[in-house]
């Protein structure tokens, strides 16, 4: 092997290593695969933080002590529930992509825009309740809910049951979870 080839390989390995380091530092690595759809650590962390903030506000509003969420068991349960929801969102998105590839995004955007026009404090409410800026709130909360409503509506028109479909899809899903404290078992995310 010549010096030039060795140098090129060294530079390639260094670039790859540096890129992998920054990917891990920023959470841009898979925490789960759902039928080859990647769920990243960053998305799970963002959604977990939003859920944590939401539950804190709900406990405050009900007069309960929000410090009970600080327990490690509570944080693990929130993370488990968030990953389970992200898996369901992925299954719904995959189904819409296969059945209605061109139209569901436009319908979801139209529904969200109509919702925002009818509720003028949505952006402020998202910030207060979830701790999310508007683009993140739209992407993490509103779009998955709009996709779910679209699929439920289409299934209703075809006399199909969404709950039965979801149970079946969860059973057929190929889910691999790469974190040691969670696992896919009995068609759901469970704590180890």
C-alpha atoms as a PDB file:
ATOM      1  CA  UNK A   1       0.000   0.000   0.000  1.00  0.00           C
ATOM      2  CA  UNK A   2       1.436   3.334  -0.976  1.00  0.00           C
ATOM      3  CA  UNK A   3       1.749   6.354   1.274  1.00  0.00           C
ATOM      4  CA  UNK A   4      -0.921   8.163  -0.726  1.00  0.00           C
ATOM      5  CA  UNK A   5      -3.435   5.319  -0.324  1.00  0.00           C
ATOM      6  CA  UNK A   6      -2.673   5.109   3.396  1.00  0.00           C
ATOM      7  CA  UNK A   7      -3.168   8.844   3.765  1.00  0.00           C
ATOM      8  CA  UNK A   8      -6.485   8.767   1.908  1.00  0.00           C
ATOM      9  CA  UNK A   9      -7.719   5.863   4.064  1.00  0.00           C
ATOM     10  CA  UNK A  10      -6.602   7.671   7.215  1.00  0.00           C
ATOM     11  CA  UNK A  11      -8.493  10.823   6.210  1.00  0.00           C
ATOM     12  CA  UNK A  12     -11.612   8.790   5.348  1.00  0.00           C
ATOM     13  CA  UNK A  13     -11.508   7.011   8.734  1.00  0.00           C
ATOM     14  CA  UNK A  14     -10.994  10.287  10.570  1.00  0.00           C
ATOM     15  CA  UNK A  15     -13.916  11.940   8.760  1.00  0.00           C
ATOM     16  CA  UNK A  16     -16.120   8.938   9.429  1.00  0.00           C
ATOM     17  CA  UNK A  17     -15.102   8.877  13.103  1.00  0.00           C
ATOM     18  CA  UNK A  18     -15.679  12.612  13.520  1.00  0.00           C
ATOM     19  CA  UNK A  19     -19.067  12.364  11.803  1.00  0.00           C
ATOM     20  CA  UNK A  20     -20.072   9.421  13.994  1.00  0.00           C
ATOM     21  CA  UNK A  21     -18.969  11.311  17.111  1.00  0.00           C
ATOM     22  CA  UNK A  22     -21.106  14.346  16.233  1.00  0.00           C
ATOM     23  CA  UNK A  23     -24.049  12.104  15.308  1.00  0.00           C
ATOM     24  CA  UNK A  24     -23.899  10.419  18.718  1.00  0.00           C
ATOM     25  CA  UNK A  25     -23.420  13.737  20.541  1.00  0.00           C
ATOM     26  CA  UNK A  26     -26.512  15.210  18.877  1.00  0.00           C
ATOM     27  CA  UNK A  27     -28.706  12.115  19.238  1.00  0.00           C
ATOM     28  CA  UNK A  28     -28.837  11.416  15.511  1.00  0.00           C
ATOM     29  CA  UNK A  29     -28.639   7.683  15.858  1.00  0.00           C
ATOM     30  CA  UNK A  30     -31.362   5.062  15.873  1.00  0.00           C
ATOM     31  CA  UNK A  31     -32.976   4.080  19.125  1.00  0.00           C
ATOM     32  CA  UNK A  32     -35.529   1.871  17.340  1.00  0.00           C
ATOM     33  CA  UNK A  33     -36.405   0.525  13.895  1.00  0.00           C
ATOM     34  CA  UNK A  34     -40.034   0.088  12.885  1.00  0.00           C
ATOM     35  CA  UNK A  35     -40.261  -1.865   9.634  1.00  0.00           C
ATOM     36  CA  UNK A  36     -36.965  -0.197   8.639  1.00  0.00           C
ATOM     37  CA  UNK A  37     -38.233   3.271   9.617  1.00  0.00           C
ATOM     38  CA  UNK A  38     -35.692   4.853  11.970  1.00  0.00           C
ATOM     39  CA  UNK A  39     -36.672   6.486  15.261  1.00  0.00           C
ATOM     40  CA  UNK A  40     -33.780   8.569  16.590  1.00  0.00           C
ATOM     41  CA  UNK A  41     -32.756   9.208  20.151  1.00  0.00           C
ATOM     42  CA  UNK A  42     -33.217  12.924  19.552  1.00  0.00           C
ATOM     43  CA  UNK A  43     -36.898  12.503  18.581  1.00  0.00           C
ATOM     44  CA  UNK A  44     -37.571  10.306  21.628  1.00  0.00           C
ATOM     45  CA  UNK A  45     -35.854  12.832  23.909  1.00  0.00           C
ATOM     46  CA  UNK A  46     -37.776  15.806  22.459  1.00  0.00           C
ATOM     47  CA  UNK A  47     -41.114  14.041  22.745  1.00  0.00           C
ATOM     48  CA  UNK A  48     -40.271  12.812  26.254  1.00  0.00           C
ATOM     49  CA  UNK A  49     -39.414  16.352  27.349  1.00  0.00           C
ATOM     50  CA  UNK A  50     -42.697  17.647  25.905  1.00  0.00           C
ATOM     51  CA  UNK A  51     -44.663  14.860  27.630  1.00  0.00           C
ATOM     52  CA  UNK A  52     -42.851  15.528  30.912  1.00  0.00           C
ATOM     53  CA  UNK A  53     -43.695  19.229  30.694  1.00  0.00           C
ATOM     54  CA  UNK A  54     -47.323  18.447  29.827  1.00  0.00           C
ATOM     55  CA  UNK A  55     -47.697  16.091  32.811  1.00  0.00           C
ATOM     56  CA  UNK A  56     -46.046  18.623  35.118  1.00  0.00           C
ATOM     57  CA  UNK A  57     -48.579  21.249  34.049  1.00  0.00           C
ATOM     58  CA  UNK A  58     -51.455  18.776  34.386  1.00  0.00           C
ATOM     59  CA  UNK A  59     -50.388  17.892  37.922  1.00  0.00           C
ATOM     60  CA  UNK A  60     -50.016  21.566  38.835  1.00  0.00           C
ATOM     61  CA  UNK A  61     -53.464  22.325  37.441  1.00  0.00           C
ATOM     62  CA  UNK A  62     -55.016  19.490  39.446  1.00  0.00           C
ATOM     63  CA  UNK A  63     -53.304  20.599  42.652  1.00  0.00           C
ATOM     64  CA  UNK A  64     -50.995  17.569  42.827  1.00  0.00           C
ATOM     65  CA  UNK A  65     -47.272  17.634  43.477  1.00  0.00           C
ATOM     66  CA  UNK A  66     -45.344  17.629  40.170  1.00  0.00           C
ATOM     67  CA  UNK A  67     -42.198  16.398  41.941  1.00  0.00           C
ATOM     68  CA  UNK A  68     -43.538  12.865  41.732  1.00  0.00           C
ATOM     69  CA  UNK A  69     -42.539  12.975  38.060  1.00  0.00           C
ATOM     70  CA  UNK A  70     -38.900  13.392  39.113  1.00  0.00           C
ATOM     71  CA  UNK A  71     -38.713   9.767  40.236  1.00  0.00           C
ATOM     72  CA  UNK A  72     -36.628   7.554  37.923  1.00  0.00           C
ATOM     73  CA  UNK A  73     -39.580   5.171  37.497  1.00  0.00           C
ATOM     74  CA  UNK A  74     -41.784   8.027  36.282  1.00  0.00           C
ATOM     75  CA  UNK A  75     -39.190   9.214  33.781  1.00  0.00           C
ATOM     76  CA  UNK A  76     -38.704   5.667  32.484  1.00  0.00           C
ATOM     77  CA  UNK A  77     -42.452   5.215  32.099  1.00  0.00           C
ATOM     78  CA  UNK A  78     -42.790   8.482  30.197  1.00  0.00           C
ATOM     79  CA  UNK A  79     -39.927   7.450  27.908  1.00  0.00           C
ATOM     80  CA  UNK A  80     -41.521   4.021  27.390  1.00  0.00           C
ATOM     81  CA  UNK A  81     -44.908   5.526  26.559  1.00  0.00           C
ATOM     82  CA  UNK A  82     -43.345   8.065  24.189  1.00  0.00           C
ATOM     83  CA  UNK A  83     -41.436   5.378  22.292  1.00  0.00           C
ATOM     84  CA  UNK A  84     -44.614   3.279  22.073  1.00  0.00           C
ATOM     85  CA  UNK A  85     -46.521   6.285  20.684  1.00  0.00           C
ATOM     86  CA  UNK A  86     -43.758   7.010  18.166  1.00  0.00           C
ATOM     87  CA  UNK A  87     -43.945   3.401  16.977  1.00  0.00           C
ATOM     88  CA  UNK A  88     -47.716   3.704  16.502  1.00  0.00           C
ATOM     89  CA  UNK A  89     -47.228   7.034  14.691  1.00  0.00           C
ATOM     90  CA  UNK A  90     -44.702   5.342  12.413  1.00  0.00           C
ATOM     91  CA  UNK A  91     -47.113   2.494  11.619  1.00  0.00           C
ATOM     92  CA  UNK A  92     -49.868   4.998  10.814  1.00  0.00           C
ATOM     93  CA  UNK A  93     -47.531   7.038   8.611  1.00  0.00           C
ATOM     94  CA  UNK A  94     -46.376   3.913   6.768  1.00  0.00           C
ATOM     95  CA  UNK A  95     -49.982   2.869   6.140  1.00  0.00           C
ATOM     96  CA  UNK A  96     -50.927   6.302   4.813  1.00  0.00           C
ATOM     97  CA  UNK A  97     -47.798   6.344   2.652  1.00  0.00           C
ATOM     98  CA  UNK A  98     -48.717   3.010   1.093  1.00  0.00           C
ATOM     99  CA  UNK A  99     -52.452   3.665   0.580  1.00  0.00           C
ATOM    100  CA  UNK A 100     -52.650   7.419  -0.081  1.00  0.00           C
ATOM    101  CA  UNK A 101     -49.118   8.547  -0.996  1.00  0.00           C
ATOM    102  CA  UNK A 102     -49.989  11.881  -2.573  1.00  0.00           C
ATOM    103  CA  UNK A 103     -52.958  13.253  -0.712  1.00  0.00           C
ATOM    104  CA  UNK A 104     -52.641  12.697   3.039  1.00  0.00           C
ATOM    105  CA  UNK A 105     -49.995  15.385   3.645  1.00  0.00           C
ATOM    106  CA  UNK A 106     -52.098  18.069   1.953  1.00  0.00           C
ATOM    107  CA  UNK A 107     -55.187  17.021   3.910  1.00  0.00           C
ATOM    108  CA  UNK A 108     -53.234  17.118   7.184  1.00  0.00           C
ATOM    109  CA  UNK A 109     -51.838  20.595   6.429  1.00  0.00           C
ATOM    110  CA  UNK A 110     -55.306  21.861   5.521  1.00  0.00           C
ATOM    111  CA  UNK A 111     -56.791  20.466   8.747  1.00  0.00           C
ATOM    112  CA  UNK A 112     -54.009  21.983  10.860  1.00  0.00           C
ATOM    113  CA  UNK A 113     -54.329  25.383   9.180  1.00  0.00           C
ATOM    114  CA  UNK A 114     -58.083  25.324   9.761  1.00  0.00           C
ATOM    115  CA  UNK A 115     -57.524  24.376  13.417  1.00  0.00           C
ATOM    116  CA  UNK A 116     -55.079  27.270  13.885  1.00  0.00           C
ATOM    117  CA  UNK A 117     -57.483  29.753  12.277  1.00  0.00           C
ATOM    118  CA  UNK A 118     -60.253  28.656  14.643  1.00  0.00           C
ATOM    119  CA  UNK A 119     -57.984  28.779  17.717  1.00  0.00           C
ATOM    120  CA  UNK A 120     -55.859  31.908  17.769  1.00  0.00           C
ATOM    121  CA  UNK A 121     -53.807  31.067  20.891  1.00  0.00           C
ATOM    122  CA  UNK A 122     -52.481  27.697  19.738  1.00  0.00           C
ATOM    123  CA  UNK A 123     -48.873  28.829  19.406  1.00  0.00           C
ATOM    124  CA  UNK A 124     -48.826  30.390  22.861  1.00  0.00           C
ATOM    125  CA  UNK A 125     -50.587  27.360  24.348  1.00  0.00           C
ATOM    126  CA  UNK A 126     -48.048  25.009  22.780  1.00  0.00           C
ATOM    127  CA  UNK A 127     -45.224  26.947  24.363  1.00  0.00           C
ATOM    128  CA  UNK A 128     -46.859  27.085  27.796  1.00  0.00           C
ATOM    129  CA  UNK A 129     -48.287  23.582  27.959  1.00  0.00           C
ATOM    130  CA  UNK A 130     -45.657  21.535  26.103  1.00  0.00           C
ATOM    131  CA  UNK A 131     -42.641  23.838  26.100  1.00  0.00           C
ATOM    132  CA  UNK A 132     -42.426  23.557  22.311  1.00  0.00           C
ATOM    133  CA  UNK A 133     -42.024  26.229  19.677  1.00  0.00           C
ATOM    134  CA  UNK A 134     -44.672  26.240  16.955  1.00  0.00           C
ATOM    135  CA  UNK A 135     -42.736  24.259  14.277  1.00  0.00           C
ATOM    136  CA  UNK A 136     -41.863  21.518  16.782  1.00  0.00           C
ATOM    137  CA  UNK A 137     -45.409  21.440  18.163  1.00  0.00           C
ATOM    138  CA  UNK A 138     -46.813  21.100  14.672  1.00  0.00           C
ATOM    139  CA  UNK A 139     -44.379  18.323  13.740  1.00  0.00           C
ATOM    140  CA  UNK A 140     -44.499  16.369  17.012  1.00  0.00           C
ATOM    141  CA  UNK A 141     -48.115  16.786  18.143  1.00  0.00           C
ATOM    142  CA  UNK A 142     -50.409  18.081  15.410  1.00  0.00           C
ATOM    143  CA  UNK A 143     -49.158  16.200  12.325  1.00  0.00           C
ATOM    144  CA  UNK A 144     -49.216  12.718  13.936  1.00  0.00           C
ATOM    145  CA  UNK A 145     -52.698  13.421  15.288  1.00  0.00           C
ATOM    146  CA  UNK A 146     -53.880  14.655  11.884  1.00  0.00           C
ATOM    147  CA  UNK A 147     -52.447  11.545  10.201  1.00  0.00           C
ATOM    148  CA  UNK A 148     -54.221   9.327  12.719  1.00  0.00           C
ATOM    149  CA  UNK A 149     -57.534  11.118  12.140  1.00  0.00           C
ATOM    150  CA  UNK A 150     -57.152  10.801   8.363  1.00  0.00           C
ATOM    151  CA  UNK A 151     -56.491   7.061   8.589  1.00  0.00           C
ATOM    152  CA  UNK A 152     -59.335   6.536  11.067  1.00  0.00           C
ATOM    153  CA  UNK A 153     -61.676   8.482   8.767  1.00  0.00           C
ATOM    154  CA  UNK A 154     -60.708   6.480   5.689  1.00  0.00           C
ATOM    155  CA  UNK A 155     -61.104   3.227   7.585  1.00  0.00           C
ATOM    156  CA  UNK A 156     -64.511   4.310   8.882  1.00  0.00           C
ATOM    157  CA  UNK A 157     -65.639   5.029   5.310  1.00  0.00           C
ATOM    158  CA  UNK A 158     -64.523   1.509   4.327  1.00  0.00           C
ATOM    159  CA  UNK A 159     -66.269  -0.066   7.349  1.00  0.00           C
ATOM    160  CA  UNK A 160     -62.922  -1.026   8.887  1.00  0.00           C
ATOM    161  CA  UNK A 161     -62.091  -0.766  12.567  1.00  0.00           C
ATOM    162  CA  UNK A 162     -58.997   1.304  13.363  1.00  0.00           C
ATOM    163  CA  UNK A 163     -58.398  -0.413  16.726  1.00  0.00           C
ATOM    164  CA  UNK A 164     -58.452  -3.864  15.117  1.00  0.00           C
ATOM    165  CA  UNK A 165     -56.126  -2.662  12.373  1.00  0.00           C
ATOM    166  CA  UNK A 166     -53.708  -1.231  14.926  1.00  0.00           C
ATOM    167  CA  UNK A 167     -53.630  -4.460  16.960  1.00  0.00           C
ATOM    168  CA  UNK A 168     -52.929  -6.397  13.764  1.00  0.00           C
ATOM    169  CA  UNK A 169     -50.212  -3.975  12.583  1.00  0.00           C
ATOM    170  CA  UNK A 170     -48.505  -3.997  15.974  1.00  0.00           C
ATOM    171  CA  UNK A 171     -48.447  -7.785  15.813  1.00  0.00           C
ATOM    172  CA  UNK A 172     -46.938  -7.831  12.330  1.00  0.00           C
ATOM    173  CA  UNK A 173     -44.502  -4.959  12.884  1.00  0.00           C
ATOM    174  CA  UNK A 174     -40.790  -5.675  12.848  1.00  0.00           C
ATOM    175  CA  UNK A 175     -39.581  -3.545  15.734  1.00  0.00           C
ATOM    176  CA  UNK A 176     -36.026  -3.528  17.024  1.00  0.00           C
ATOM    177  CA  UNK A 177     -35.209  -1.362  20.052  1.00  0.00           C
ATOM    178  CA  UNK A 178     -31.557  -0.496  20.630  1.00  0.00           C
ATOM    179  CA  UNK A 179     -31.755   0.783  24.193  1.00  0.00           C
ATOM    180  CA  UNK A 180     -31.056  -1.596  27.088  1.00  0.00           C
ATOM    181  CA  UNK A 181     -33.889  -0.456  29.370  1.00  0.00           C
ATOM    182  CA  UNK A 182     -36.724  -0.978  26.856  1.00  0.00           C
ATOM    183  CA  UNK A 183     -37.827  -3.899  24.717  1.00  0.00           C
ATOM    184  CA  UNK A 184     -40.542  -4.805  22.209  1.00  0.00           C
ATOM    185  CA  UNK A 185     -42.637  -7.532  23.775  1.00  0.00           C
ATOM    186  CA  UNK A 186     -46.270  -8.627  23.331  1.00  0.00           C
ATOM    187  CA  UNK A 187     -46.721  -6.021  20.572  1.00  0.00           C
ATOM    188  CA  UNK A 188     -45.736  -3.103  22.792  1.00  0.00           C
ATOM    189  CA  UNK A 189     -42.800  -1.350  24.413  1.00  0.00           C
ATOM    190  CA  UNK A 190     -42.039  -2.736  27.853  1.00  0.00           C
ATOM    191  CA  UNK A 191     -39.536  -1.782  30.561  1.00  0.00           C
ATOM    192  CA  UNK A 192     -36.804  -4.316  31.282  1.00  0.00           C
END
